[in-house]
Protein backbone atom coordinates (compact mmCIF):
# COMPACT_ATOMS: atom_id res chain seq x y z
CA MET A 1 0.00 0.00 0.00
CA LEU A 2 1.88 3.06 -1.27
CA PRO A 3 1.09 6.64 -0.17
CA VAL A 4 -0.39 7.52 -3.57
CA VAL A 5 -3.12 4.97 -2.91
CA LEU A 6 -4.66 7.20 -0.27
CA SER A 7 -5.21 10.08 -2.67
CA SER A 8 -6.90 7.80 -5.20
CA LEU A 9 -9.06 6.24 -2.48
CA LEU A 10 -10.27 9.64 -1.32
CA LEU A 11 -11.14 10.59 -4.89
CA SER A 12 -12.88 7.30 -5.62
CA SER A 13 -14.95 7.67 -2.44
CA LEU A 14 -16.17 11.04 -3.65
CA LEU A 15 -17.08 9.65 -7.08
CA LEU A 16 -18.92 6.52 -5.91
CA PRO A 17 -22.64 6.54 -6.78
CA ALA A 18 -25.31 5.92 -4.18
CA VAL A 19 -25.92 2.19 -3.82
CA ALA A 20 -28.26 -0.10 -1.98
CA ALA A 21 -27.46 -1.15 1.56
CA PRO A 22 -24.75 -3.84 1.78
CA PRO A 23 -25.72 -7.38 2.80
CA ALA A 24 -26.76 -7.55 6.46
CA ASP A 25 -24.25 -10.33 7.14
CA LEU A 26 -21.25 -8.49 5.67
CA VAL A 27 -20.01 -7.63 9.18
CA THR A 28 -19.80 -10.28 11.90
CA PRO A 29 -20.35 -8.95 15.45
CA THR A 30 -17.03 -9.54 17.20
CA PRO A 31 -16.35 -8.97 20.91
CA VAL A 32 -13.12 -7.58 22.34
CA ASP A 33 -10.68 -10.21 23.61
CA ASN A 34 -9.34 -9.48 27.12
CA PRO A 35 -11.54 -6.41 27.72
CA ASP A 36 -10.24 -6.11 31.30
CA ALA A 37 -7.06 -4.68 29.76
CA LEU A 38 -9.11 -1.59 28.89
CA SER A 39 -10.07 -0.87 32.51
CA GLY A 40 -7.86 2.23 32.80
CA TRP A 41 -9.43 3.76 29.72
CA PHE A 42 -12.90 2.76 30.86
CA LEU A 43 -12.31 4.63 34.11
CA ALA A 44 -11.28 7.74 32.15
CA LEU A 45 -14.44 7.40 30.03
CA GLN A 46 -16.54 7.02 33.17
CA ARG A 47 -15.09 10.23 34.58
CA ALA A 48 -15.66 12.05 31.30
CA GLU A 49 -19.26 10.84 31.22
CA ALA A 50 -19.66 12.30 34.72
CA GLY A 51 -18.30 15.63 33.47
CA GLU A 52 -14.76 15.26 34.80
CA GLY A 53 -11.69 15.14 32.58
CA VAL A 54 -10.71 13.91 29.15
CA ALA A 55 -10.24 10.29 28.00
CA ARG A 56 -7.49 10.40 25.37
CA ALA A 57 -6.86 7.63 22.85
CA LEU A 58 -3.97 7.47 20.36
CA HIS A 59 -4.60 5.26 17.32
CA TYR A 60 -1.55 4.23 15.26
CA GLY A 61 -1.87 2.65 11.84
CA ASP A 62 -1.26 2.59 8.09
CA SER A 63 -3.36 3.59 5.06
CA THR A 64 -6.46 1.88 6.48
CA LEU A 65 -6.49 4.77 8.96
CA ALA A 66 -4.90 7.45 6.82
CA ALA A 67 -8.24 8.63 5.40
CA ASP A 68 -9.65 8.54 8.98
CA GLY A 69 -12.65 6.41 7.97
CA LEU A 70 -12.72 3.69 10.63
CA ALA A 71 -11.31 5.99 13.32
CA SER A 72 -13.72 8.83 12.56
CA THR A 73 -16.71 6.54 13.10
CA VAL A 74 -15.39 5.36 16.46
CA ARG A 75 -14.58 8.96 17.43
CA ASP A 76 -18.07 10.17 16.55
CA ARG A 77 -19.69 7.37 18.55
CA LEU A 78 -17.53 7.98 21.63
CA GLN A 79 -17.89 11.75 21.57
CA ALA A 80 -21.66 11.50 21.16
CA ARG A 81 -21.83 9.53 24.40
CA PHE A 82 -18.96 10.78 26.55
CA GLY A 83 -18.54 14.35 25.32
CA ASP A 84 -16.54 16.14 22.63
CA ALA A 85 -13.10 17.03 23.96
CA GLY A 86 -11.91 18.07 20.49
CA PRO A 87 -9.67 16.51 17.83
CA GLY A 88 -6.66 16.19 20.13
CA PHE A 89 -3.30 15.79 18.39
CA VAL A 90 -3.30 16.30 14.62
CA PRO A 91 -0.08 15.36 12.74
CA ALA A 92 1.51 17.98 10.51
CA SER A 93 0.58 16.22 7.29
CA PHE A 94 -2.34 18.26 5.95
CA LEU A 95 -1.92 16.23 2.74
CA PRO A 96 -3.98 13.23 1.55
CA GLN A 97 -0.71 11.68 0.35
CA TRP A 98 0.08 10.80 3.98
CA SER A 99 -2.98 11.21 6.19
CA VAL A 100 -6.02 13.42 6.75
CA ARG A 101 -8.54 13.94 9.53
CA SER A 102 -12.28 14.23 8.96
CA ASP A 103 -12.71 16.58 11.93
CA VAL A 104 -9.93 19.05 11.05
CA VAL A 105 -9.39 21.26 8.01
CA GLY A 106 -5.89 22.54 7.26
CA TRP A 107 -4.70 24.97 4.57
CA ARG A 108 -0.99 25.06 3.75
CA GLN A 109 0.75 28.02 2.16
CA GLY A 110 4.33 28.43 1.04
CA ASP A 111 7.18 25.94 0.75
CA TRP A 112 6.81 22.66 2.67
CA SER A 113 8.68 19.36 2.66
CA TYR A 114 8.16 16.17 4.64
CA LYS A 115 10.06 13.46 6.48
CA THR A 116 8.17 10.36 7.63
CA ILE A 117 8.83 7.04 9.31
CA LEU A 118 8.11 5.37 5.95
CA TYR A 119 11.14 6.80 4.16
CA GLY A 120 13.23 8.10 7.07
CA GLY A 121 15.64 10.99 6.69
CA GLY A 122 14.40 12.79 9.79
CA GLY A 123 17.38 12.09 12.01
CA GLY A 124 15.33 9.77 14.22
CA ARG A 125 12.83 12.52 15.15
CA TYR A 126 9.34 12.19 13.67
CA GLY A 127 7.10 13.49 16.43
CA LEU A 128 4.07 11.79 17.88
CA GLY A 129 2.52 10.93 14.52
CA GLY A 130 5.50 9.78 12.46
CA ILE A 131 5.41 12.85 10.21
CA VAL A 132 7.50 16.04 10.23
CA GLY A 133 6.22 18.92 8.12
CA ILE A 134 9.16 21.26 7.47
CA MET A 135 7.92 24.81 6.96
CA ARG A 136 10.41 26.99 5.08
CA SER A 137 10.57 30.68 5.95
CA GLY A 138 7.24 32.29 5.04
CA ALA A 139 5.32 29.02 4.97
CA SER A 140 2.22 28.63 7.12
CA VAL A 141 -0.75 26.44 7.89
CA THR A 142 -4.22 27.44 9.08
CA VAL A 143 -6.21 24.81 10.95
CA ARG A 144 -9.69 24.63 12.37
CA ALA A 145 -11.79 21.91 13.95
CA VAL A 146 -15.05 21.11 12.14
CA ASP A 147 -18.12 18.99 12.72
CA GLY A 148 -19.69 16.50 10.33
CA SER A 149 -21.33 19.26 8.29
CA GLY A 150 -18.13 21.28 8.00
CA GLU A 151 -19.15 23.90 10.55
CA ILE A 152 -16.45 25.32 12.81
CA ARG A 153 -16.13 23.82 16.30
CA PRO A 154 -14.79 26.43 18.75
CA MET A 155 -11.65 25.34 20.60
CA GLN A 156 -10.12 26.45 23.89
CA HIS A 157 -6.65 24.89 24.03
CA LEU A 158 -3.86 24.90 21.43
CA GLU A 159 -0.45 23.27 21.39
CA ALA A 160 2.11 23.46 18.59
CA TRP A 161 4.64 20.60 18.71
CA TYR A 162 7.82 21.45 16.81
CA GLN A 163 11.55 20.93 16.57
CA ALA A 164 14.25 23.40 17.51
CA GLY A 165 17.83 23.28 16.30
CA VAL A 166 20.81 25.07 14.82
CA GLY A 167 19.87 27.58 12.12
CA TYR A 168 16.10 27.25 12.48
CA GLY A 169 13.70 30.19 12.35
CA THR A 170 10.81 31.47 14.47
CA LEU A 171 7.37 29.92 14.93
CA SER A 172 4.48 32.37 15.28
CA VAL A 173 0.92 31.48 16.25
CA SER A 174 -2.14 33.57 15.43
CA LEU A 175 -5.65 32.85 16.65
CA ASP A 176 -8.53 34.30 14.64
CA GLY A 177 -6.12 36.78 13.04
CA ALA A 178 -4.36 38.01 16.18
CA THR A 179 -0.78 36.94 16.95
CA VAL A 180 -0.67 35.40 20.42
CA ASP A 181 2.86 33.98 20.62
CA SER A 182 6.18 33.71 18.81
CA GLN A 183 9.02 31.42 19.78
CA ALA A 184 12.49 31.14 18.30
CA ALA A 185 13.16 27.58 17.15
CA VAL A 186 16.90 28.09 17.50
CA ALA A 187 18.91 25.81 19.79
CA THR A 188 22.52 24.68 20.07
CA ALA A 189 21.36 21.07 19.63
CA THR A 190 18.25 19.50 18.14
CA GLU A 191 15.39 19.25 20.64
CA ASP A 192 11.61 18.93 20.71
CA ARG A 193 9.47 21.79 22.02
CA VAL A 194 5.81 22.60 22.60
CA LEU A 195 4.14 26.01 22.40
CA VAL A 196 0.96 26.14 24.51
CA HIS A 197 -1.86 28.68 24.50
CA ASP A 198 -5.21 28.68 26.27
CA GLY A 199 -8.14 30.81 25.21
CA PRO A 200 -11.12 30.59 22.86
CA PHE A 201 -10.52 30.47 19.11
CA ASP A 202 -12.01 29.21 15.87
CA LYS A 203 -8.95 29.21 13.60
CA ALA A 204 -5.25 28.87 14.35
CA ARG A 205 -2.44 29.90 11.99
CA LEU A 206 1.15 28.74 12.41
CA ARG A 207 3.88 30.50 10.43
CA ALA A 208 7.64 30.11 10.07
CA SER A 209 9.90 33.14 9.58
CA GLY A 210 13.65 33.76 9.49
CA GLY A 211 14.36 30.13 8.69
CA ALA A 212 12.76 26.71 8.57
CA VAL A 213 10.68 25.25 11.42
CA PRO A 214 9.99 21.49 11.51
CA LEU A 215 6.43 20.98 12.77
CA TYR A 216 5.22 17.70 14.29
CA GLY A 217 1.59 18.69 14.68
CA VAL A 218 -0.95 20.61 16.71
CA VAL A 219 -3.25 19.81 19.61
CA LEU A 220 -6.79 21.18 19.43
CA GLU A 221 -8.99 20.68 22.49
CA SER A 222 -12.41 22.08 23.33
CA GLY A 223 -11.74 22.61 27.02
CA ARG A 224 -14.73 20.44 27.85
CA PRO A 225 -14.89 16.95 29.38
CA GLY A 226 -15.15 14.14 26.89
CA ALA A 227 -13.20 11.77 24.68
CA THR A 228 -10.62 12.07 21.94
CA TRP A 229 -9.66 9.44 19.36
CA GLU A 230 -6.47 10.73 17.76
CA THR A 231 -5.52 9.16 14.43
CA LEU A 232 -1.75 8.81 14.00
CA SER A 233 -1.24 7.10 10.67
CA VAL A 234 1.20 7.22 7.79
CA SER A 235 0.17 5.63 4.52
CA GLY A 236 2.43 2.75 3.55
CA VAL A 237 4.02 1.99 6.93
CA GLY A 238 4.47 -1.35 8.66
CA SER A 239 5.80 -2.56 11.98
CA LYS A 240 9.43 -2.11 10.93
CA SER A 241 8.83 1.57 10.17
CA PHE A 242 8.85 2.36 13.89
CA SER A 243 12.48 1.28 14.15
CA VAL A 244 13.58 4.57 12.55
CA TYR A 245 12.81 6.49 15.74
CA ALA A 246 16.03 7.29 17.61
CA GLY A 247 16.29 6.31 21.27
CA GLU A 248 13.36 7.66 23.26
CA GLY A 249 12.21 9.93 20.42
CA LEU A 250 8.69 8.51 20.26
CA ALA A 251 8.44 7.61 23.95
CA LEU A 252 8.94 11.20 25.07
CA GLN A 253 6.27 12.40 22.65
CA VAL A 254 3.75 9.78 23.80
CA ALA A 255 4.51 10.59 27.44
CA ARG A 256 3.83 14.26 26.75
CA ARG A 257 0.39 13.40 25.34
CA ASP A 258 -0.35 11.14 28.35
CA PRO A 259 -2.94 8.86 26.70
CA ASP A 260 -5.41 6.68 28.56
CA LEU A 261 -5.48 4.24 25.63
CA ILE A 262 -3.01 3.29 22.90
CA VAL A 263 -4.49 1.56 19.84
CA VAL A 264 -2.28 -0.17 17.26
CA MET A 265 -3.52 -1.34 13.86
CA LEU A 266 -0.61 -2.47 11.69
CA GLY A 267 -0.02 -5.38 9.34
CA GLY A 268 -1.87 -4.37 6.20
CA ASN A 269 1.47 -4.09 4.41
CA GLU A 270 2.86 -7.26 5.99
CA ALA A 271 0.47 -10.05 4.98
CA GLY A 272 2.79 -11.03 2.14
CA TYR A 273 5.87 -11.47 4.35
CA PRO A 274 7.44 -14.89 3.55
CA VAL A 275 7.96 -15.52 7.27
CA LEU A 276 4.18 -15.71 7.71
CA SER A 277 4.02 -18.69 5.36
CA VAL A 278 6.55 -20.71 7.36
CA GLY A 279 4.95 -22.95 9.97
CA ASP A 280 2.79 -20.95 12.34
CA GLY A 281 4.37 -17.65 11.31
CA SER A 282 6.19 -17.28 14.63
CA GLY A 283 9.04 -15.52 12.85
CA TYR A 284 6.71 -12.53 12.52
CA THR A 285 6.21 -12.25 16.29
CA PRO A 286 9.40 -10.26 17.09
CA ILE A 287 8.67 -7.86 14.21
CA PHE A 288 5.28 -6.87 15.56
CA GLN A 289 6.42 -7.10 19.18
CA ALA A 290 9.17 -4.53 18.56
CA ALA A 291 6.72 -2.04 17.05
CA LEU A 292 4.21 -2.46 19.87
CA ASP A 293 6.94 -2.04 22.49
CA THR A 294 8.23 1.13 20.82
CA ILE A 295 4.77 2.69 20.65
CA ARG A 296 3.86 1.78 24.24
CA ALA A 297 7.19 2.75 25.84
CA GLY A 298 6.11 6.32 26.56
CA ALA A 299 2.92 5.30 28.39
CA PRO A 300 3.43 1.78 29.76
CA ASP A 301 0.52 2.15 32.18
CA ALA A 302 -1.98 3.22 29.52
CA ALA A 303 -4.57 0.70 28.38
CA CYS A 304 -3.62 -1.01 25.13
CA LEU A 305 -5.73 -2.33 22.25
CA VAL A 306 -4.44 -4.17 19.18
CA LEU A 307 -6.64 -4.32 16.08
CA SER A 308 -5.78 -6.87 13.42
CA PRO A 309 -5.56 -5.51 9.86
CA LEU A 310 -8.28 -5.84 7.26
CA ASP A 311 -8.22 -9.05 5.25
CA GLN A 312 -5.67 -8.63 2.47
CA GLY A 313 -6.40 -10.27 -0.86
CA GLU A 314 -4.52 -11.14 -4.02
CA VAL A 315 -5.04 -12.76 -7.40
CA ASP A 316 -3.09 -16.03 -7.67
CA GLU A 317 -1.22 -17.41 -10.66
CA ASP A 318 -4.41 -19.07 -11.90
CA GLY A 319 -6.31 -15.80 -11.85
CA HIS A 320 -8.35 -16.62 -8.74
CA ALA A 321 -8.89 -13.96 -6.07
CA ARG A 322 -8.27 -15.10 -2.51
CA SER A 323 -6.99 -13.96 0.89
CA LYS A 324 -3.22 -13.80 1.13
CA ARG A 325 -1.87 -17.03 2.58
CA GLY A 326 -0.21 -15.30 5.51
CA MET A 327 -3.38 -13.72 6.91
CA PRO A 328 -4.39 -16.43 9.44
CA ASN A 329 -0.87 -16.55 10.90
CA LEU A 330 -0.58 -12.76 10.95
CA VAL A 331 -3.80 -12.37 12.93
CA ALA A 332 -2.94 -15.21 15.31
CA ARG A 333 0.54 -13.89 16.07
CA GLN A 334 -0.73 -10.34 16.63
CA ARG A 335 -3.33 -11.71 19.02
CA ASP A 336 -0.65 -13.63 20.91
CA VAL A 337 1.56 -10.55 21.23
CA ALA A 338 -1.38 -8.45 22.39
CA LEU A 339 -2.63 -10.83 25.05
CA ASP A 340 0.86 -11.74 26.27
CA GLY A 341 1.59 -8.03 26.69
CA GLY A 342 -1.56 -7.26 28.67
CA CYS A 343 -3.40 -5.64 25.76
CA ALA A 344 -6.94 -6.16 24.54
CA PHE A 345 -7.43 -7.47 20.99
CA TRP A 346 -10.12 -6.94 18.39
CA ASN A 347 -10.19 -9.22 15.36
CA THR A 348 -10.97 -6.97 12.40
CA TRP A 349 -10.32 -9.92 10.07
CA GLN A 350 -13.00 -11.98 11.81
CA ALA A 351 -15.41 -9.04 11.80
CA MET A 352 -15.02 -8.87 8.01
CA GLY A 353 -15.74 -12.60 7.68
CA GLY A 354 -12.26 -14.14 7.90
CA GLU A 355 -10.86 -16.20 5.03
CA GLY A 356 -11.98 -14.80 1.67
CA ALA A 357 -13.43 -11.61 3.17
CA ALA A 358 -11.22 -9.38 1.02
CA VAL A 359 -12.79 -10.91 -2.09
CA THR A 360 -16.36 -10.65 -0.77
CA TRP A 361 -15.89 -7.05 0.31
CA GLY A 362 -13.93 -6.18 -2.82
CA ARG A 363 -16.81 -7.34 -5.02
CA THR A 364 -19.56 -5.66 -2.99
CA ARG A 365 -20.66 -2.51 -4.77
CA GLY A 366 -19.99 0.63 -2.77
CA ILE A 367 -17.81 -1.26 -0.27
CA GLY A 368 -14.81 -2.61 -2.17
CA THR A 369 -12.28 -0.65 -4.20
CA GLY A 370 -11.49 -3.59 -6.47
CA ASP A 371 -7.91 -4.08 -5.27
CA PHE A 372 -8.88 -6.66 -2.60
CA VAL A 373 -6.78 -4.65 -0.13
CA HIS A 374 -8.63 -1.44 0.67
CA VAL A 375 -12.30 -0.73 1.22
CA THR A 376 -14.25 2.47 0.65
CA GLY A 377 -15.13 5.02 3.28
CA ARG A 378 -18.51 3.35 3.49
CA GLY A 379 -16.89 0.00 4.21
CA LEU A 380 -14.62 1.51 6.84
CA ALA A 381 -17.65 3.10 8.50
CA LEU A 382 -19.22 -0.36 8.81
CA LEU A 383 -16.10 -1.65 10.54
CA GLY A 384 -15.89 1.47 12.68
CA ASP A 385 -19.41 0.89 13.91
CA ALA A 386 -18.59 -2.76 14.63
CA LEU A 387 -15.54 -1.73 16.66
CA ALA A 388 -17.48 0.98 18.49
CA ASP A 389 -20.22 -1.54 19.28
CA ALA A 390 -17.65 -3.94 20.73
CA LEU A 391 -15.94 -1.25 22.80
CA LEU A 392 -19.16 0.19 24.19
CA GLN A 393 -20.49 -3.27 25.01
CA ALA A 394 -17.27 -4.01 26.89
CA TYR A 395 -17.52 -0.67 28.72
CA ASP A 396 -21.13 -1.29 29.74
CA ALA A 397 -20.25 -4.80 30.92
CA TRP A 398 -17.35 -3.36 32.96
CA GLY A 399 -19.98 -1.49 34.94
CA GLY A 400 -17.89 1.27 36.44
CA VAL A 401 -15.63 -0.81 38.71
CA GLU A 402 -12.82 1.31 40.11
CA VAL A 403 -9.45 0.32 38.69
CA GLY A 404 -7.22 -1.31 41.29
CA GLY A 405 -10.02 -1.76 43.82
CA PRO A 406 -10.28 -4.92 45.92
CA GLY A 407 -10.98 -7.95 43.78
CA THR A 408 -11.09 -5.94 40.54
CA VAL A 409 -8.46 -5.34 37.88
CA ASP A 410 -5.56 -2.98 37.54
CA GLY A 411 -4.55 -1.07 34.42
CA SER A 412 -2.80 -4.11 32.95
CA GLY A 413 -5.89 -6.31 33.21
CA ALA A 414 -4.39 -8.43 35.99
CA ALA A 415 -6.60 -9.54 38.85
CA THR A 416 -5.99 -7.91 42.23
CA ASN A 417 -7.04 -8.85 45.74
């Protein structure tokens, strides 16, 4: 799945004609495995529902997430119930080539370039979302949070996450046309910084002057209790992509965001790995384990949820469409890693129908894109609803038990007495 795929998928979604409802059995209701591992997040949701605090979720993934389809559906469902805390962290992409958000609009101006965890070249620093948008002097971006109809959602809290270093310029922030802060991005050694501003605004503009400023992203929060579901995806990445982070580069960023839940959905670009066709595919385990460990290192006490990738299909040498041979092993090994590490697991592959699902979905009008790999925004919405159903059912079954209380569970899902 190359980055250019995302742009074509967005365009094809816009051009798809209205079609009849998909078959009722296209999605299989699938519960969350090891839901006790989500107890810490459930407690944050419970507090948000009571009007206290924000339950933050970071969702890492590849091009399945890059158009925000599945994640946006989950986000909408959670915010409708627990409150709208805002978009949260938004990576400095602002380009469909890499990733977009359905609840944020961004306009770039001037000269920009990018470094990502897919191709590297960022010196081991790629921010929270795996993307660095390098603004040359005079370049800017204007961002605003929007609702489903495109109307502006007023925000209360802004953060600009950027990189400082030798020879860099100045980052200026304007809210609704008025400059509120400027910070020199010059330092004797490369370091990560955050500019923070509180106060009501509709639109925020970030501008570089006097030199380049590498931007990791922005945080937009409403100042109200509720939930966030923050999509952190780069089209084309796989588990090995996270090895390009240097040292604690990602861990420090995750720690700064302080999530209640970390969600990982990788593997869509890995189903063809030869190691998955050898025995039970156990050779894949350390590959996925390393990525999960890297992502979780900055918030080891946060709840953790692993989502298997969508079924990945191919056309064999005889011209027959089928699921890639490595899919069953890929899903099984990801589940093992998740449960062994104290994470919850949701089987997206099973929810789609398991073996052969990529072909069924790919040939369903309005749902498949025809490549037996991706599905349309409509298809992702179906899966997003299935995931939201599973999460909310697990939350309701949890019943508001205090984390770490006598005879309950702690944040890792382990029983306590």
